[in-house]
Amino acid sequence: MENDVYLYGMVAASTVHVLRSDFAFPKPNGYAEIEHTLPSIGGEAANSAIVLAKLGLRTRLDGNWIHPRNAERVKGTLAAFGIDVSRLSVTDDGDTEEVVIADGDSRTVFGKYAAFQAGPRQWNEPQAEDVAAARIVCLDPFLRAESRRAAELCVAHDKPYVTLDSPYDDYVAQNAAAVAISHELRDQAYAGRDMREVFGHYLETCRGLVIFTFGGDELWYARRGGPIASYRPYAIEPVDTTGAGDSFRGAIAYGLLQGWTDERTVDFASAVAACVCMSYPHALNAPGLDGVLTFIEQHRDRAKE
């Protein structure tokens, strides 16, 4: 079956604790009040899949294995959005699970991802037929050799893919139609470096659209040989910023499928991320395409300083 988007990457059972609005994430030995505790879905690929399904696209999801104790919740929740989860494997060896603490400005994740990535493989191999059957691919770079294999399959089948938080010297970033880089990757891989210089290295080595996001501050985007443009995200009062970057990545893929300009694509992706940040638990209760377009229309006259 042909799909609009094939997503390969991270999927996790998640529990989100949303703090009361007059509390922030506490310092050591501090205290904060929990207002809501909500079951949710984590993982970059899963969050992107939810957003793209809400935007009306046919999506197929594959990636890491799911533990039986979480299988019904994870697969059932995703399937309810129309996402094809038939590729997801359920096994006792799967162990991705997370707890998220969200306040108005941040989200703090507790999980086992370091052990997951350093230990034995806990994920499926990407399938060439899934790549070939998609119009575009969303690819997470975190599944070691299999992520690279997925990128190679995209190149071999001439399928554009969108990735995130992949270093500029990595094959996955270099061959992407678009790559979005957040502060998490920059803080880990390029600490102490001049970010304009790092951005320049991405432009030199990557063939697609390069985007650096900075939370609520201006983001940068450009293509090799072109000027660096900046864009100010929508000013909102967030309630849960979890999955904002994943949603942004998914919306970039949507814009590329529509054949939009980079400026329009970035604006749309920023609107999608803003809508996700105003919902909890994040993407699960965010609006679909009509809601996003209404949000953009309501903010059409915002200052462009």
Protein backbone atom coordinates (compact mmCIF):
# COMPACT_ATOMS: atom_id res chain seq x y z
CA MET A 1 0.00 0.00 0.00
CA GLU A 2 1.30 3.44 -0.89
CA ASN A 3 1.73 5.93 1.95
CA ASP A 4 2.40 9.64 1.99
CA VAL A 5 5.00 9.32 4.74
CA TYR A 6 7.16 6.51 6.08
CA LEU A 7 8.55 7.25 9.54
CA TYR A 8 11.47 5.31 10.93
CA GLY A 9 12.76 5.93 14.43
CA MET A 10 11.84 6.30 18.07
CA VAL A 11 8.56 5.21 19.69
CA ALA A 12 7.99 5.08 23.44
CA ALA A 13 5.32 4.78 26.06
CA SER A 14 5.27 8.05 27.98
CA THR A 15 3.75 9.47 31.12
CA VAL A 16 3.54 13.27 31.27
CA HIS A 17 3.30 15.18 34.55
CA VAL A 18 2.22 18.77 33.84
CA LEU A 19 3.14 21.17 36.64
CA ARG A 20 0.77 23.79 37.93
CA SER A 21 1.24 27.08 36.09
CA ASP A 22 2.64 28.88 39.15
CA PHE A 23 5.41 26.28 39.57
CA ALA A 24 8.57 25.64 37.55
CA PHE A 25 10.70 22.50 37.39
CA PRO A 26 12.30 22.41 40.85
CA LYS A 27 15.95 22.72 41.75
CA PRO A 28 17.55 19.84 43.71
CA ASN A 29 15.70 19.30 47.01
CA GLY A 30 12.95 21.64 45.80
CA TYR A 31 9.25 21.10 45.25
CA ALA A 32 6.68 21.57 42.47
CA GLU A 33 2.95 20.88 42.27
CA ILE A 34 1.62 18.43 39.65
CA GLU A 35 -1.64 19.59 38.07
CA HIS A 36 -2.18 16.81 35.50
CA THR A 37 -0.76 13.33 34.97
CA LEU A 38 -1.46 11.98 31.52
CA PRO A 39 -0.55 8.82 29.59
CA SER A 40 1.04 9.74 26.29
CA ILE A 41 3.32 8.63 23.47
CA GLY A 42 6.97 9.64 23.20
CA GLY A 43 9.67 9.35 20.58
CA GLU A 44 10.54 11.61 17.67
CA ALA A 45 9.12 9.37 14.95
CA ALA A 46 5.90 8.72 16.88
CA ASN A 47 5.24 12.41 17.55
CA SER A 48 5.93 13.31 13.92
CA ALA A 49 3.58 10.52 12.81
CA ILE A 50 0.77 11.82 15.00
CA VAL A 51 1.13 15.35 13.64
CA LEU A 52 1.26 14.20 10.02
CA ALA A 53 -1.78 11.96 10.48
CA LYS A 54 -3.66 14.91 12.00
CA LEU A 55 -2.68 16.94 8.92
CA GLY A 56 -4.43 14.34 6.77
CA LEU A 57 -1.54 12.24 5.45
CA ARG A 58 -1.28 8.45 5.23
CA THR A 59 1.54 7.38 7.51
CA ARG A 60 3.42 4.14 8.24
CA LEU A 61 5.61 3.91 11.36
CA ASP A 62 8.50 1.59 12.13
CA GLY A 63 11.46 1.65 14.50
CA ASN A 64 12.29 0.35 17.97
CA TRP A 65 10.67 -2.63 19.64
CA ILE A 66 7.79 -2.22 22.11
CA HIS A 67 7.58 -4.10 25.41
CA PRO A 68 4.38 -6.17 25.83
CA ARG A 69 3.32 -4.18 28.91
CA ASN A 70 3.09 -1.07 26.72
CA ALA A 71 2.00 -2.59 23.42
CA GLU A 72 -1.75 -2.05 23.71
CA ARG A 73 -1.39 1.57 24.81
CA VAL A 74 1.26 2.49 22.23
CA LYS A 75 -0.13 0.70 19.21
CA GLY A 76 -3.75 1.42 20.10
CA THR A 77 -3.16 5.13 20.60
CA LEU A 78 -1.23 5.50 17.35
CA ALA A 79 -3.64 3.37 15.32
CA ALA A 80 -6.54 5.53 16.51
CA PHE A 81 -5.07 8.38 14.43
CA GLY A 82 -4.98 6.16 11.36
CA ILE A 83 -1.24 5.49 11.59
CA ASP A 84 -0.17 2.14 10.15
CA VAL A 85 1.63 0.43 13.06
CA SER A 86 1.79 -3.04 11.50
CA ARG A 87 5.59 -2.88 11.33
CA LEU A 88 6.09 -2.25 15.06
CA SER A 89 7.43 -5.32 16.86
CA VAL A 90 6.34 -6.33 20.37
CA THR A 91 8.97 -8.20 22.38
CA ASP A 92 10.25 -8.57 25.92
CA ASP A 93 13.57 -7.17 24.68
CA GLY A 94 11.99 -3.78 23.93
CA ASP A 95 12.53 -1.31 26.76
CA THR A 96 11.78 2.30 25.77
CA GLU A 97 9.68 4.07 28.33
CA GLU A 98 9.84 7.64 29.61
CA VAL A 99 8.51 10.03 32.23
CA VAL A 100 8.22 13.70 31.29
CA ILE A 101 7.91 16.67 33.65
CA ALA A 102 6.53 19.70 31.78
CA ASP A 103 6.17 23.29 32.93
CA GLY A 104 5.37 26.33 30.82
CA ASP A 105 8.92 26.79 29.55
CA SER A 106 10.59 23.39 29.59
CA ARG A 107 10.17 19.66 29.51
CA THR A 108 12.49 17.29 31.38
CA VAL A 109 12.66 13.68 30.25
CA PHE A 110 13.60 10.66 32.35
CA GLY A 111 14.15 7.39 30.51
CA LYS A 112 16.64 4.70 29.53
CA TYR A 113 17.74 6.07 26.17
CA ALA A 114 21.49 6.07 26.89
CA ALA A 115 21.38 2.36 27.76
CA PHE A 116 19.06 1.76 24.81
CA GLN A 117 21.47 3.26 22.29
CA ALA A 118 24.62 1.75 23.81
CA GLY A 119 23.28 -1.78 24.32
CA PRO A 120 22.12 -4.56 21.98
CA ARG A 121 19.90 -3.60 19.04
CA GLN A 122 16.25 -3.11 20.04
CA TRP A 123 14.82 -1.97 16.72
CA ASN A 124 13.71 -3.26 13.34
CA GLU A 125 15.67 -2.90 10.15
CA PRO A 126 14.16 -0.39 7.69
CA GLN A 127 12.34 -1.97 4.78
CA ALA A 128 13.11 -0.95 1.20
CA GLU A 129 9.49 -1.52 0.16
CA ASP A 130 8.28 0.97 2.78
CA VAL A 131 10.70 3.62 1.52
CA ALA A 132 9.72 2.95 -2.09
CA ALA A 133 6.01 3.17 -1.28
CA ALA A 134 6.27 6.59 0.43
CA ARG A 135 6.30 10.08 -1.03
CA ILE A 136 8.59 11.34 1.73
CA VAL A 137 10.35 9.85 4.76
CA CYS A 138 10.85 11.14 8.31
CA LEU A 139 14.04 9.56 9.60
CA ASP A 140 15.45 9.58 13.13
CA PRO A 141 19.27 9.32 13.26
CA PHE A 142 19.40 7.47 16.59
CA LEU A 143 19.21 3.81 15.48
CA ARG A 144 22.87 3.44 14.59
CA ALA A 145 23.66 1.55 11.38
CA GLU A 146 19.98 1.04 10.62
CA SER A 147 19.35 4.80 10.49
CA ARG A 148 22.13 5.14 7.94
CA ARG A 149 20.68 2.21 6.02
CA ALA A 150 17.31 3.95 5.92
CA ALA A 151 18.98 7.09 4.54
CA GLU A 152 20.79 5.01 1.92
CA LEU A 153 17.49 3.42 0.89
CA CYS A 154 15.98 6.90 0.48
CA VAL A 155 18.86 7.95 -1.76
CA ALA A 156 18.68 4.73 -3.77
CA HIS A 157 14.92 5.12 -4.31
CA ASP A 158 15.15 8.89 -4.88
CA LYS A 159 12.87 9.62 -1.92
CA PRO A 160 13.32 12.86 0.02
CA TYR A 161 13.66 12.54 3.78
CA VAL A 162 13.59 14.93 6.72
CA THR A 163 15.73 14.32 9.78
CA LEU A 164 16.67 16.08 12.98
CA ASP A 165 19.64 16.39 15.35
CA SER A 166 22.15 14.66 13.10
CA PRO A 167 25.78 15.96 13.04
CA TYR A 168 26.95 17.73 9.91
CA ASP A 169 29.60 15.08 9.19
CA ASP A 170 27.01 12.28 9.21
CA TYR A 171 25.56 10.72 6.05
CA VAL A 172 22.03 11.09 7.43
CA ALA A 173 22.28 14.89 7.69
CA GLN A 174 24.26 15.31 4.50
CA ASN A 175 21.70 13.66 2.22
CA ALA A 176 18.48 14.90 3.82
CA ALA A 177 15.99 17.12 2.02
CA ALA A 178 15.84 19.03 5.31
CA VAL A 179 17.59 18.74 8.67
CA ALA A 180 16.43 20.53 11.83
CA ILE A 181 18.99 20.98 14.61
CA SER A 182 17.92 21.76 18.18
CA HIS A 183 19.90 22.93 21.19
CA GLU A 184 20.11 19.34 22.48
CA LEU A 185 22.38 18.28 19.64
CA ARG A 186 24.29 21.56 19.59
CA ASP A 187 24.93 21.39 23.35
CA GLN A 188 26.21 17.82 23.08
CA ALA A 189 28.21 17.89 19.86
CA TYR A 190 29.26 21.53 19.49
CA ALA A 191 29.55 22.91 23.02
CA GLY A 192 31.63 26.08 23.11
CA ARG A 193 31.61 26.47 19.33
CA ASP A 194 30.45 29.57 17.46
CA MET A 195 26.99 28.58 16.19
CA ARG A 196 27.29 30.65 13.01
CA GLU A 197 30.42 28.68 12.19
CA VAL A 198 28.66 25.40 12.95
CA PHE A 199 25.72 26.47 10.78
CA GLY A 200 28.18 27.20 7.99
CA HIS A 201 29.58 23.67 8.22
CA TYR A 202 26.05 22.29 7.81
CA LEU A 203 25.55 24.42 4.71
CA GLU A 204 28.87 23.22 3.25
CA THR A 205 28.17 19.52 3.81
CA CYS A 206 24.36 19.15 3.54
CA ARG A 207 22.47 19.23 0.27
CA GLY A 208 19.07 20.19 1.68
CA LEU A 209 17.42 22.84 3.83
CA VAL A 210 19.25 23.44 7.12
CA ILE A 211 17.34 24.77 10.14
CA PHE A 212 18.64 25.69 13.59
CA THR A 213 15.89 26.09 16.19
CA PHE A 214 16.29 28.02 19.44
CA GLY A 215 13.04 27.34 21.31
CA GLY A 216 10.99 30.52 21.40
CA ASP A 217 13.83 32.63 19.97
CA GLU A 218 14.54 33.32 16.30
CA LEU A 219 15.49 30.30 14.25
CA TRP A 220 17.85 30.24 11.26
CA TYR A 221 17.34 28.51 7.94
CA ALA A 222 19.21 28.40 4.64
CA ARG A 223 20.39 26.25 1.77
CA ARG A 224 23.90 25.84 0.44
CA GLY A 225 24.94 28.93 -1.49
CA GLY A 226 22.06 31.05 -0.20
CA PRO A 227 21.77 33.68 2.52
CA ILE A 228 20.93 32.75 6.12
CA ALA A 229 17.37 33.80 6.91
CA SER A 230 15.96 34.25 10.40
CA TYR A 231 12.41 33.69 11.55
CA ARG A 232 10.69 34.64 14.80
CA PRO A 233 8.39 31.88 16.11
CA TYR A 234 4.84 32.61 17.21
CA ALA A 235 4.55 34.18 20.65
CA ILE A 236 2.39 31.87 22.76
CA GLU A 237 1.83 30.78 26.36
CA PRO A 238 2.98 27.13 26.25
CA VAL A 239 1.59 24.49 28.58
CA ASP A 240 3.66 21.50 27.36
CA THR A 241 6.68 21.89 25.08
CA THR A 242 7.24 18.13 24.80
CA GLY A 243 7.40 17.03 21.17
CA ALA A 244 7.59 20.56 19.76
CA GLY A 245 10.71 19.77 17.75
CA ASP A 246 9.30 16.44 16.55
CA SER A 247 6.11 18.20 15.43
CA PHE A 248 8.15 20.92 13.73
CA ARG A 249 10.08 18.25 11.80
CA GLY A 250 6.87 16.54 10.72
CA ALA A 251 5.40 19.82 9.51
CA ILE A 252 8.57 20.56 7.51
CA ALA A 253 7.98 17.26 5.70
CA TYR A 254 4.38 18.34 5.06
CA GLY A 255 5.53 21.63 3.54
CA LEU A 256 8.03 19.89 1.30
CA LEU A 257 5.29 17.60 0.02
CA GLN A 258 3.17 20.64 -0.82
CA GLY A 259 6.01 22.19 -2.81
CA TRP A 260 5.96 25.34 -0.67
CA THR A 261 8.75 27.87 -0.42
CA ASP A 262 11.15 27.49 2.47
CA GLU A 263 9.68 30.59 4.11
CA ARG A 264 6.13 29.27 3.97
CA THR A 265 7.23 25.81 5.11
CA VAL A 266 9.08 27.21 8.15
CA ASP A 267 6.12 29.43 9.04
CA PHE A 268 3.72 26.51 8.84
CA ALA A 269 6.02 24.26 10.89
CA SER A 270 6.34 26.98 13.53
CA ALA A 271 2.56 27.26 13.71
CA VAL A 272 2.21 23.49 14.12
CA ALA A 273 4.81 23.48 16.91
CA ALA A 274 3.06 26.40 18.62
CA CYS A 275 -0.28 24.57 18.53
CA VAL A 276 1.36 21.47 20.01
CA CYS A 277 2.93 23.54 22.80
CA MET A 278 -0.50 24.90 23.73
CA SER A 279 -1.94 21.38 24.12
CA TYR A 280 -1.34 18.59 26.59
CA PRO A 281 -0.26 15.94 26.33
CA HIS A 282 1.43 17.70 23.38
CA ALA A 283 0.68 16.20 19.94
CA LEU A 284 -2.14 13.91 21.09
CA ASN A 285 -4.57 16.78 21.63
CA ALA A 286 -3.14 19.32 19.19
CA PRO A 287 -5.39 20.53 16.36
CA GLY A 288 -5.44 19.17 12.84
CA LEU A 289 -4.94 21.08 9.59
CA ASP A 290 -8.02 23.30 9.93
CA GLY A 291 -7.01 24.30 13.45
CA VAL A 292 -3.46 25.11 12.39
CA LEU A 293 -4.67 27.22 9.47
CA THR A 294 -7.06 29.05 11.78
CA PHE A 295 -4.18 29.72 14.19
CA ILE A 296 -2.08 31.15 11.34
CA GLU A 297 -4.96 33.34 10.17
CA GLN A 298 -5.49 34.69 13.68
CA HIS A 299 -1.81 35.63 13.89
CA ARG A 300 -1.42 36.88 10.32
CA ASP A 301 -0.90 40.49 11.38
CA ARG A 302 1.70 39.77 14.06
CA ALA A 303 4.78 41.98 14.03
CA LYS A 304 7.64 40.61 11.95
CA GLU A 305 10.45 42.35 13.79
